[in-house]
Amino acid sequence: MNVRHVFQLCVVTAFVTIGTGFGWGKAIAAQDSRKDVEEGVEVLTRGPVHEAFAETVTFDPESGIVVSKAPPESIEELPPEQRPAGTNVDWIPGYWAWDDERDDFLWVSGVWRALPPGREWVSGYWGRAARGFQWTPGYWADSEAREIEYLPEPPETVEVGPNLPSPSADHSWIPGSWVWHQGRYAWRPGYWVTVRTDWDWTPAHYVWAPRGYVFVDGYWDYSVDRRGVLFAPVYFAAGVYTRPHFHYSPVTVIDLAVFSDHLFLRPRYHHYYFGDYYAANYHDAGFYASFSFHSGQRGYDPIYAEQRWRNRQDPEWGRRVEANFSFRRDNEDARPRRTLAAQISFSTSDVKSRDRSLVVATSLDQLARNKDSRLRFQPLDQEERQKLTQRGKEVQIFREERHKRETTAADTPAEKPPKERGPTRVTLRRSPIVAKPVAELGKDDAPPQRPEPPKPDPKVEPKPRKSMDKRERPGKP
């Protein structure tokens, strides 16, 4: 697939999606309801969310999944020809993710992202492991820190939720975490923080790496509707991406207005997932509905927390969320479709009464013309597009450097396993994806004042983590 073919694919997809809104897309969709526009390219309306768009916060983080197949080489991904306006918006390239239902890799498309102030993106990577290939997750690091500290495995969380009444309805509970304090782990209790409109607080958490655990302190992030543009993942049939001069440019957008209606977390895979994961077998495979993950003490979901705060005056909101989930779990027709082709067929069927929250994808062109969207778009000139395409290569180099630094010591036989080592520090060069300094951001982009957490409590005794055999292990759906 060359650039011309990709452009044709984008145009056709855009016209199909736009046409359905005016009633004349039915004829076009009828020709294409059973297959994708380009042979061998399947645009998905469910799948993993790009890690840089939504970072998971798990209380007891685990090592990355191991698969038997080697990931393909990264494809050449061209940024779309339109970008959101703003000085703190950047293009973050996509990557391969494992789909255990297909027993194969799919492509998590790149994203336009309003970068969290004061952070830089440390990309995840696939690395060789004893039993195959292992995923090491990415994370948003402090952009002022030039060293990465790898810590022993943190103890099992003792977070149980609020132990003090909320000061007001405008406050939200931030969970506690273990912190490295005076040569050992000490518990830093949870606390109440005043929530700010348009901002999500991502609490302190740990990210696993082969060399140890990285502590990511809390930070303010933009609310989902201000974060940028999330593109649909894609499954390429064998041989498609190995064609000479192959390029790919995403054009199908996940509608953020309904995104959180179908949001799941899969902590073992270190990703959010969106779409149809309602059937009971997905829970057995480690998929948790956002409300279940948040309230079940598995971790913290800033997206769900912001939604709950936004609906704080509605005492029935949480019950409706759970009731909607139960209804979709028990009724397959009430779930969003799994591919763009299936969604087009669904959207243009003769059934007049439809739940619009089931239409999770649209075209970038349609989104750019939507006056109700908070995002405003501008053309991406050819020079900037080439620079951002080159950025993809820089991200790949950075990813490989991180892989080398984190696995060289871990693979040395004389090294102790991560949970038995003391802290180690490694200098890593600056990521190609760095937010502008807070002082250079405008009023709308500058974050609220950082909340002051409580001091660590050395009296709380750490408990050893459960062995993997005793932990909840997802199986194959």
Protein backbone atom coordinates (compact mmCIF):
# COMPACT_ATOMS: atom_id res chain seq x y z
CA MET A 1 0.00 0.00 0.00
CA ASN A 2 1.70 3.21 -1.14
CA VAL A 3 0.88 6.77 -0.14
CA ARG A 4 -1.62 7.16 -2.99
CA HIS A 5 -3.51 4.03 -1.94
CA VAL A 6 -3.58 5.21 1.66
CA PHE A 7 -4.96 8.57 0.56
CA GLN A 8 -7.66 6.85 -1.51
CA LEU A 9 -8.52 4.67 1.49
CA CYS A 10 -8.83 7.76 3.69
CA VAL A 11 -11.08 9.58 1.23
CA VAL A 12 -13.38 6.62 0.66
CA THR A 13 -13.67 5.92 4.39
CA ALA A 14 -14.40 9.57 5.09
CA PHE A 15 -17.13 9.75 2.44
CA VAL A 16 -18.72 6.54 3.66
CA THR A 17 -18.87 7.82 7.24
CA ILE A 18 -19.97 11.33 6.32
CA GLY A 19 -22.53 10.03 3.86
CA THR A 20 -24.37 8.02 6.48
CA GLY A 21 -25.20 11.24 8.30
CA PHE A 22 -26.98 12.63 5.22
CA GLY A 23 -28.83 9.49 4.21
CA TRP A 24 -27.00 8.84 0.95
CA GLY A 25 -24.21 6.75 2.44
CA LYS A 26 -26.40 3.66 2.38
CA ALA A 27 -25.61 2.84 -1.24
CA ILE A 28 -21.90 3.20 -0.64
CA ALA A 29 -21.98 1.19 2.57
CA ALA A 30 -24.02 -1.56 0.93
CA GLN A 31 -21.12 -2.24 -1.39
CA ASP A 32 -18.71 -2.34 1.50
CA SER A 33 -20.56 -3.77 4.50
CA ARG A 34 -18.86 -7.15 4.26
CA LYS A 35 -15.29 -6.11 3.64
CA ASP A 36 -12.90 -3.27 4.27
CA VAL A 37 -12.09 -0.64 1.68
CA GLU A 38 -8.57 -1.93 1.15
CA GLU A 39 -8.04 -5.67 0.92
CA GLY A 40 -6.15 -6.96 3.95
CA VAL A 41 -6.73 -3.83 6.07
CA GLU A 42 -9.35 -4.21 8.80
CA VAL A 43 -10.17 -1.04 10.73
CA LEU A 44 -11.30 -1.99 14.23
CA THR A 45 -13.88 -0.27 16.39
CA ARG A 46 -12.63 -1.95 19.54
CA GLY A 47 -9.18 -2.70 20.91
CA PRO A 48 -6.33 -1.31 23.00
CA VAL A 49 -6.07 2.41 23.66
CA HIS A 50 -2.68 3.96 22.87
CA GLU A 51 -0.75 4.03 26.15
CA ALA A 52 0.21 7.67 25.68
CA PHE A 53 -3.47 8.63 25.40
CA ALA A 54 -4.48 6.94 28.66
CA GLU A 55 -1.92 5.58 31.13
CA THR A 56 -3.14 2.80 33.44
CA VAL A 57 -2.69 3.05 37.22
CA THR A 58 -2.55 -0.38 38.87
CA PHE A 59 -1.99 -0.70 42.62
CA ASP A 60 0.05 -3.93 42.35
CA PRO A 61 1.69 -3.76 38.89
CA GLU A 62 2.85 -6.96 37.25
CA SER A 63 5.49 -7.74 34.68
CA GLY A 64 4.56 -7.42 31.01
CA ILE A 65 2.88 -10.18 29.06
CA VAL A 66 5.04 -12.70 27.19
CA VAL A 67 4.04 -14.01 23.77
CA SER A 68 5.64 -16.66 21.60
CA LYS A 69 5.69 -14.66 18.34
CA ALA A 70 8.17 -11.94 17.51
CA PRO A 71 6.55 -8.56 16.81
CA PRO A 72 6.84 -7.30 13.22
CA GLU A 73 9.09 -4.40 12.34
CA SER A 74 7.46 -1.04 12.98
CA ILE A 75 5.61 0.25 9.94
CA GLU A 76 6.10 3.67 8.41
CA GLU A 77 3.15 5.64 9.71
CA LEU A 78 2.33 9.03 8.20
CA PRO A 79 0.54 11.56 10.41
CA PRO A 80 -2.88 12.60 9.05
CA GLU A 81 -3.07 15.74 6.95
CA GLN A 82 -5.03 17.62 9.62
CA ARG A 83 -3.93 18.32 13.16
CA PRO A 84 -5.58 19.86 16.22
CA ALA A 85 -4.65 23.48 16.79
CA GLY A 86 -2.41 24.26 19.75
CA THR A 87 1.23 24.74 20.65
CA ASN A 88 1.33 21.81 23.09
CA VAL A 89 -0.06 19.20 20.67
CA ASP A 90 2.23 16.58 19.18
CA TRP A 91 2.07 13.40 17.12
CA ILE A 92 2.94 10.18 18.97
CA PRO A 93 3.53 7.21 16.63
CA GLY A 94 1.78 3.87 16.94
CA TYR A 95 3.11 0.43 17.87
CA TRP A 96 2.27 -3.28 17.74
CA ALA A 97 0.08 -4.81 20.47
CA TRP A 98 -0.81 -8.45 21.05
CA ASP A 99 -4.34 -9.67 20.31
CA ASP A 100 -4.76 -13.03 22.05
CA GLU A 101 -8.06 -13.76 20.31
CA ARG A 102 -6.38 -13.62 16.91
CA ASP A 103 -3.14 -15.05 18.26
CA ASP A 104 -1.44 -12.27 16.34
CA PHE A 105 -0.34 -8.63 16.51
CA LEU A 106 -2.48 -5.63 15.60
CA TRP A 107 -1.40 -2.03 15.04
CA VAL A 108 -2.28 0.59 17.65
CA SER A 109 -2.47 3.72 15.51
CA GLY A 110 -0.61 6.88 16.47
CA VAL A 111 -2.41 9.73 18.24
CA TRP A 112 -2.56 13.49 18.21
CA ARG A 113 -1.95 14.31 21.86
CA ALA A 114 -2.11 17.42 24.01
CA LEU A 115 0.95 16.57 26.08
CA PRO A 116 0.52 16.48 29.88
CA PRO A 117 2.30 19.60 31.18
CA GLY A 118 5.75 18.94 32.59
CA ARG A 119 5.93 15.37 31.23
CA GLU A 120 7.72 13.47 28.48
CA TRP A 121 6.67 10.21 26.86
CA VAL A 122 8.84 7.14 27.52
CA SER A 123 7.71 4.65 24.88
CA GLY A 124 6.97 1.02 25.64
CA TYR A 125 8.70 -1.77 23.73
CA TRP A 126 8.81 -5.48 22.95
CA GLY A 127 11.94 -7.29 24.14
CA ARG A 128 13.18 -10.84 23.97
CA ALA A 129 12.49 -12.87 27.13
CA ALA A 130 13.24 -16.41 28.25
CA ARG A 131 9.88 -17.72 26.99
CA GLY A 132 9.36 -15.46 23.98
CA PHE A 133 8.85 -11.70 23.64
CA GLN A 134 7.76 -9.47 26.50
CA TRP A 135 5.99 -6.12 26.58
CA THR A 136 7.45 -3.34 28.74
CA PRO A 137 4.87 -0.55 29.16
CA GLY A 138 5.40 3.13 28.46
CA TYR A 139 4.74 5.99 30.88
CA TRP A 140 4.68 9.77 31.25
CA ALA A 141 7.91 10.73 33.05
CA ASP A 142 8.86 13.99 34.74
CA SER A 143 10.50 15.99 31.95
CA GLU A 144 12.94 17.65 34.36
CA ALA A 145 14.38 14.35 35.62
CA ARG A 146 17.39 13.19 33.66
CA GLU A 147 17.89 9.94 35.55
CA ILE A 148 15.58 6.97 35.89
CA GLU A 149 15.57 5.19 39.24
CA TYR A 150 14.76 1.47 39.19
CA LEU A 151 13.42 0.23 42.51
CA PRO A 152 12.77 -3.20 44.06
CA GLU A 153 9.28 -4.59 43.71
CA PRO A 154 6.93 -2.46 45.87
CA PRO A 155 4.96 -4.19 48.64
CA GLU A 156 1.34 -5.13 48.27
CA THR A 157 -0.92 -2.09 48.41
CA VAL A 158 -2.78 -1.31 51.63
CA GLU A 159 -5.12 1.16 49.94
CA VAL A 160 -8.74 0.62 51.07
CA GLY A 161 -10.31 3.93 50.09
CA PRO A 162 -11.17 7.08 52.04
CA ASN A 163 -10.56 7.01 55.79
CA LEU A 164 -11.64 10.64 56.25
CA PRO A 165 -14.89 12.34 55.19
CA SER A 166 -14.74 14.44 52.05
CA PRO A 167 -14.31 18.16 52.72
CA SER A 168 -16.85 18.95 49.99
CA ALA A 169 -18.55 17.58 46.89
CA ASP A 170 -15.82 19.21 44.82
CA HIS A 171 -13.16 16.88 46.25
CA SER A 172 -12.05 13.50 44.98
CA TRP A 173 -10.11 10.78 46.80
CA ILE A 174 -6.54 10.16 45.61
CA PRO A 175 -5.25 6.71 46.60
CA GLY A 176 -2.12 6.18 48.67
CA SER A 177 1.05 4.52 47.41
CA TRP A 178 4.32 3.09 48.61
CA VAL A 179 7.30 5.44 48.21
CA TRP A 180 11.00 4.78 48.61
CA HIS A 181 11.89 6.61 51.82
CA GLN A 182 15.18 6.47 53.73
CA GLY A 183 16.32 3.23 52.15
CA ARG A 184 13.04 1.32 52.40
CA TYR A 185 9.42 1.43 51.33
CA ALA A 186 7.05 3.58 53.40
CA TRP A 187 3.34 4.08 52.89
CA ARG A 188 2.15 7.49 51.74
CA PRO A 189 -1.55 7.68 52.68
CA GLY A 190 -4.33 8.72 50.36
CA TYR A 191 -5.84 12.19 50.54
CA TRP A 192 -8.62 14.40 49.23
CA VAL A 193 -7.90 16.81 46.39
CA THR A 194 -10.02 19.57 44.91
CA VAL A 195 -10.94 18.55 41.37
CA ARG A 196 -10.48 21.09 38.60
CA THR A 197 -12.78 21.31 35.61
CA ASP A 198 -11.10 20.04 32.40
CA TRP A 199 -8.29 18.31 34.30
CA ASP A 200 -7.68 14.74 35.49
CA TRP A 201 -5.25 13.90 38.27
CA THR A 202 -3.17 10.79 37.54
CA PRO A 203 -2.01 9.53 40.96
CA ALA A 204 1.43 8.17 41.87
CA HIS A 205 2.02 4.63 40.64
CA TYR A 206 4.70 2.16 39.55
CA VAL A 207 5.59 0.89 36.10
CA TRP A 208 7.34 -2.46 35.69
CA ALA A 209 10.54 -2.73 33.65
CA PRO A 210 13.06 -5.62 33.33
CA ARG A 211 15.53 -3.68 35.48
CA GLY A 212 13.10 -2.82 38.26
CA TYR A 213 10.06 -0.69 39.03
CA VAL A 214 9.85 2.98 38.01
CA PHE A 215 8.00 5.33 40.33
CA VAL A 216 5.79 7.82 38.43
CA ASP A 217 4.66 10.58 40.75
CA GLY A 218 1.22 12.11 40.31
CA TYR A 219 0.53 14.68 37.59
CA TRP A 220 -2.28 16.70 36.04
CA ASP A 221 -3.50 15.59 32.62
CA TYR A 222 -6.08 17.08 30.28
CA SER A 223 -9.61 15.69 30.48
CA VAL A 224 -10.34 13.15 27.75
CA ASP A 225 -12.25 15.57 25.54
CA ARG A 226 -9.18 17.86 25.45
CA ARG A 227 -6.46 15.25 25.00
CA GLY A 228 -6.45 15.15 21.23
CA VAL A 229 -7.44 12.59 18.62
CA LEU A 230 -7.57 8.84 19.22
CA PHE A 231 -7.43 6.79 16.00
CA ALA A 232 -8.83 3.31 15.51
CA PRO A 233 -6.49 0.32 15.74
CA VAL A 234 -5.95 -1.73 12.59
CA TYR A 235 -5.39 -5.38 11.80
CA PHE A 236 -3.22 -6.02 8.75
CA ALA A 237 -3.46 -9.36 7.01
CA ALA A 238 -0.18 -11.23 6.52
CA GLY A 239 2.00 -9.65 3.88
CA VAL A 240 0.22 -6.30 3.66
CA TYR A 241 2.73 -4.24 5.65
CA THR A 242 5.73 -5.98 4.04
CA ARG A 243 4.87 -4.69 0.57
CA PRO A 244 7.48 -2.42 -1.02
CA HIS A 245 7.04 1.28 -0.17
CA PHE A 246 4.25 0.51 2.30
CA HIS A 247 2.87 3.50 4.23
CA TYR A 248 -0.07 3.85 6.55
CA SER A 249 -1.92 6.97 7.65
CA PRO A 250 -4.86 6.62 10.07
CA VAL A 251 -8.11 8.38 9.29
CA THR A 252 -10.81 6.65 11.37
CA VAL A 253 -11.32 8.42 14.69
CA ILE A 254 -12.75 7.04 17.92
CA ASP A 255 -15.52 9.35 19.09
CA LEU A 256 -14.45 10.61 22.51
CA ALA A 257 -18.04 11.63 23.27
CA VAL A 258 -18.95 7.93 23.60
CA PHE A 259 -15.44 6.55 24.26
CA SER A 260 -15.90 6.24 28.03
CA ASP A 261 -19.29 4.54 27.64
CA HIS A 262 -17.43 1.39 26.56
CA LEU A 263 -14.17 1.59 28.47
CA PHE A 264 -12.34 -1.33 30.06
CA LEU A 265 -8.98 -1.86 31.75
CA ARG A 266 -6.74 -4.89 31.43
CA PRO A 267 -4.01 -4.46 34.04
CA ARG A 268 -2.09 -7.58 33.04
CA TYR A 269 -1.70 -6.07 29.55
CA HIS A 270 -1.05 -2.52 30.88
CA HIS A 271 -3.70 -1.02 28.60
CA TYR A 272 -7.13 0.49 28.53
CA TYR A 273 -9.45 -1.13 25.98
CA PHE A 274 -12.54 0.33 24.33
CA GLY A 275 -15.49 -1.29 22.59
CA ASP A 276 -17.21 -4.63 22.97
CA TYR A 277 -15.62 -6.57 25.82
CA TYR A 278 -18.89 -7.16 27.64
CA ALA A 279 -19.26 -10.95 27.47
CA ALA A 280 -18.49 -12.84 30.70
CA ASN A 281 -15.47 -14.60 29.22
CA TYR A 282 -13.68 -11.24 28.92
CA HIS A 283 -13.85 -10.72 32.65
CA ASP A 284 -12.25 -14.14 33.04
CA ALA A 285 -9.52 -12.94 30.66
CA GLY A 286 -8.70 -9.94 32.87
CA PHE A 287 -10.89 -7.21 31.33
CA TYR A 288 -12.54 -5.01 33.95
CA ALA A 289 -15.27 -2.46 33.32
CA SER A 290 -14.04 0.97 34.32
CA PHE A 291 -16.36 1.25 37.34
CA SER A 292 -15.43 -2.27 38.50
CA PHE A 293 -11.70 -1.64 38.23
CA HIS A 294 -11.98 1.64 40.11
CA SER A 295 -14.18 0.43 42.94
CA GLY A 296 -12.65 -3.04 43.23
CA GLN A 297 -9.32 -1.80 44.66
CA ARG A 298 -7.37 -3.07 41.64
CA GLY A 299 -6.24 0.40 40.68
CA TYR A 300 -7.36 3.93 39.95
CA ASP A 301 -9.07 5.16 36.79
CA PRO A 302 -8.71 8.94 36.39
CA ILE A 303 -11.24 8.92 33.54
CA TYR A 304 -13.94 7.24 35.61
CA ALA A 305 -13.08 9.44 38.62
CA GLU A 306 -13.58 12.57 36.50
CA GLN A 307 -16.91 11.27 35.18
CA ARG A 308 -18.11 10.47 38.68
CA TRP A 309 -17.10 13.95 39.87
CA ARG A 310 -18.84 15.56 36.91
CA ASN A 311 -22.06 13.73 37.87
CA ARG A 312 -21.63 14.29 41.62
CA GLN A 313 -25.05 15.94 41.91
CA ASP A 314 -26.76 12.86 40.47
CA PRO A 315 -26.98 10.11 43.15
CA GLU A 316 -28.26 7.59 40.58
CA TRP A 317 -25.43 8.03 38.07
CA GLY A 318 -23.27 5.16 39.34
CA ARG A 319 -26.23 2.76 39.41
CA ARG A 320 -27.11 3.64 35.81
CA VAL A 321 -23.54 3.00 34.69
CA GLU A 322 -23.59 -0.46 36.25
CA ALA A 323 -27.10 -1.17 34.92
CA ASN A 324 -26.04 -0.22 31.38
CA PHE A 325 -23.06 -2.53 31.63
CA SER A 326 -25.22 -5.43 32.85
CA PHE A 327 -27.71 -4.88 30.04
CA ARG A 328 -24.99 -4.93 27.38
CA ARG A 329 -23.35 -7.95 28.97
CA ASP A 330 -26.63 -9.85 28.66
CA ASN A 331 -27.73 -8.45 25.26
CA GLU A 332 -25.28 -8.72 22.37
CA ASP A 333 -27.36 -6.41 20.14
CA ALA A 334 -26.85 -3.59 22.68
CA ARG A 335 -23.08 -3.58 22.16
CA PRO A 336 -21.03 -1.53 19.69
CA ARG A 337 -19.82 -3.32 16.54
CA ARG A 338 -16.25 -4.58 16.39
CA THR A 339 -15.09 -3.36 12.97
CA LEU A 340 -15.66 -0.25 10.88
CA ALA A 341 -17.33 -2.35 8.17
CA ALA A 342 -19.78 -3.79 10.71
CA GLN A 343 -20.48 -0.33 12.13
CA ILE A 344 -21.24 1.05 8.67
CA SER A 345 -23.68 -1.78 8.05
CA PHE A 346 -25.23 -1.22 11.47
CA SER A 347 -25.53 2.56 10.99
CA THR A 348 -27.25 2.27 7.60
CA SER A 349 -29.65 -0.55 8.42
CA ASP A 350 -33.39 -0.09 8.22
CA VAL A 351 -33.88 -0.15 11.99
CA LYS A 352 -34.91 3.41 12.85
CA SER A 353 -34.35 3.45 16.62
CA ARG A 354 -30.64 3.26 17.40
CA ASP A 355 -28.50 4.03 20.41
CA ARG A 356 -26.00 6.58 19.09
CA SER A 357 -23.51 5.60 21.80
CA LEU A 358 -22.98 2.37 19.85
CA VAL A 359 -21.43 4.28 16.94
CA VAL A 360 -17.93 4.66 18.30
CA ALA A 361 -16.02 5.67 15.15
CA THR A 362 -16.18 8.53 12.70
CA SER A 363 -13.85 10.05 10.10
CA LEU A 364 -11.23 12.69 10.83
CA ASP A 365 -12.83 14.97 8.21
CA GLN A 366 -16.19 14.73 9.94
CA LEU A 367 -14.66 15.40 13.35
CA ALA A 368 -12.85 18.46 11.98
CA ARG A 369 -16.15 19.85 10.69
CA ASN A 370 -18.01 19.19 13.94
CA LYS A 371 -18.63 22.61 15.48
CA ASP A 372 -19.63 21.01 18.79
CA SER A 373 -16.17 19.51 19.26
CA ARG A 374 -13.77 21.30 21.60
CA LEU A 375 -10.97 20.63 19.14
CA ARG A 376 -10.17 22.95 16.27
CA PHE A 377 -8.15 21.70 13.32
CA GLN A 378 -5.65 23.12 10.88
CA PRO A 379 -3.93 21.68 7.80
CA LEU A 380 -0.61 19.95 8.32
CA ASP A 381 1.83 21.28 5.75
CA GLN A 382 4.08 18.87 3.90
CA GLU A 383 7.28 20.01 5.63
CA GLU A 384 5.86 19.47 9.12
CA ARG A 385 4.39 16.14 8.06
CA GLN A 386 7.80 14.96 6.91
CA LYS A 387 9.35 16.09 10.21
CA LEU A 388 6.74 14.19 12.20
CA THR A 389 7.25 11.10 10.04
CA GLN A 390 10.95 11.34 10.84
CA ARG A 391 9.94 11.68 14.50
CA GLY A 392 8.63 8.14 14.27
CA LYS A 393 12.15 6.94 13.53
CA GLU A 394 13.50 8.96 16.46
CA VAL A 395 10.94 7.37 18.76
CA GLN A 396 12.01 3.95 17.53
CA ILE A 397 15.67 4.75 18.30
CA PHE A 398 14.70 6.01 21.76
CA ARG A 399 12.66 2.84 22.32
CA GLU A 400 15.64 0.66 21.36
CA GLU A 401 17.95 2.61 23.67
CA ARG A 402 15.56 2.16 26.56
CA HIS A 403 15.32 -1.55 25.80
CA LYS A 404 19.09 -1.92 25.77
CA ARG A 405 19.61 -0.05 29.04
CA GLU A 406 16.87 -1.89 30.88
CA THR A 407 17.67 -5.40 29.72
CA THR A 408 21.49 -5.50 29.69
CA ALA A 409 21.77 -5.53 33.49
CA ALA A 410 18.65 -7.65 33.96
CA ASP A 411 20.03 -10.37 31.67
CA THR A 412 23.36 -10.62 33.50
CA PRO A 413 23.38 -13.89 35.50
CA ALA A 414 25.17 -12.30 38.46
CA GLU A 415 22.38 -9.73 38.86
CA LYS A 416 19.73 -10.31 41.50
CA PRO A 417 16.07 -10.34 40.39
CA PRO A 418 14.36 -6.89 40.52
CA LYS A 419 12.54 -7.50 43.83
CA GLU A 420 15.85 -8.30 45.59
CA ARG A 421 17.93 -5.43 44.20
CA GLY A 422 18.48 -2.03 45.71
CA PRO A 423 17.74 1.09 43.68
CA THR A 424 19.79 1.73 40.56
CA ARG A 425 19.95 4.91 38.52
CA VAL A 426 20.36 5.14 34.77
CA THR A 427 20.74 8.22 32.60
CA LEU A 428 18.42 8.19 29.61
CA ARG A 429 18.50 10.85 26.95
CA ARG A 430 15.49 13.11 26.55
CA SER A 431 12.51 11.61 24.80
CA PRO A 432 11.56 12.98 21.35
CA ILE A 433 8.07 13.63 22.82
CA VAL A 434 8.34 16.38 25.45
CA ALA A 435 5.69 18.84 26.61
CA LYS A 436 6.50 22.52 26.62
CA PRO A 437 7.60 23.93 29.99
CA VAL A 438 4.66 25.05 32.11
CA ALA A 439 5.92 28.64 32.03
CA GLU A 440 5.51 28.67 28.23
CA LEU A 441 1.92 27.40 28.23
CA GLY A 442 -1.09 29.64 27.85
CA LYS A 443 -3.79 30.00 30.47
CA ASP A 444 -5.94 27.15 29.10
CA ASP A 445 -3.01 24.73 28.86
CA ALA A 446 -1.32 25.50 32.19
CA PRO A 447 -2.20 22.92 34.86
CA PRO A 448 -3.69 23.66 38.29
CA GLN A 449 -1.41 23.88 41.28
CA ARG A 450 0.02 20.53 42.24
CA PRO A 451 -1.65 19.06 45.38
CA GLU A 452 0.58 18.42 48.38
CA PRO A 453 0.43 14.73 49.42
CA PRO A 454 0.81 13.58 53.03
CA LYS A 455 4.21 12.60 54.35
CA PRO A 456 5.12 8.88 54.35
CA ASP A 457 4.05 6.93 57.41
CA PRO A 458 6.90 4.59 58.44
CA LYS A 459 4.64 2.83 60.96
CA VAL A 460 2.69 1.00 58.23
CA GLU A 461 4.25 -2.43 57.84
CA PRO A 462 4.80 -3.53 54.24
CA LYS A 463 3.33 -6.87 53.20
CA PRO A 464 5.08 -9.07 50.64
CA ARG A 465 3.39 -9.34 47.28
CA LYS A 466 1.52 -12.53 46.52
CA SER A 467 3.20 -14.96 44.16
CA MET A 468 2.00 -14.99 40.57
CA ASP A 469 0.39 -18.40 41.13
CA LYS A 470 -1.90 -16.88 43.79
CA ARG A 471 -2.77 -13.76 41.86
CA GLU A 472 -5.77 -13.44 39.60
CA ARG A 473 -4.52 -14.67 36.24
CA PRO A 474 -6.37 -13.89 33.02
CA GLY A 475 -6.96 -16.76 30.65
CA LYS A 476 -7.51 -16.74 26.92
CA PRO A 477 -10.97 -15.48 25.87
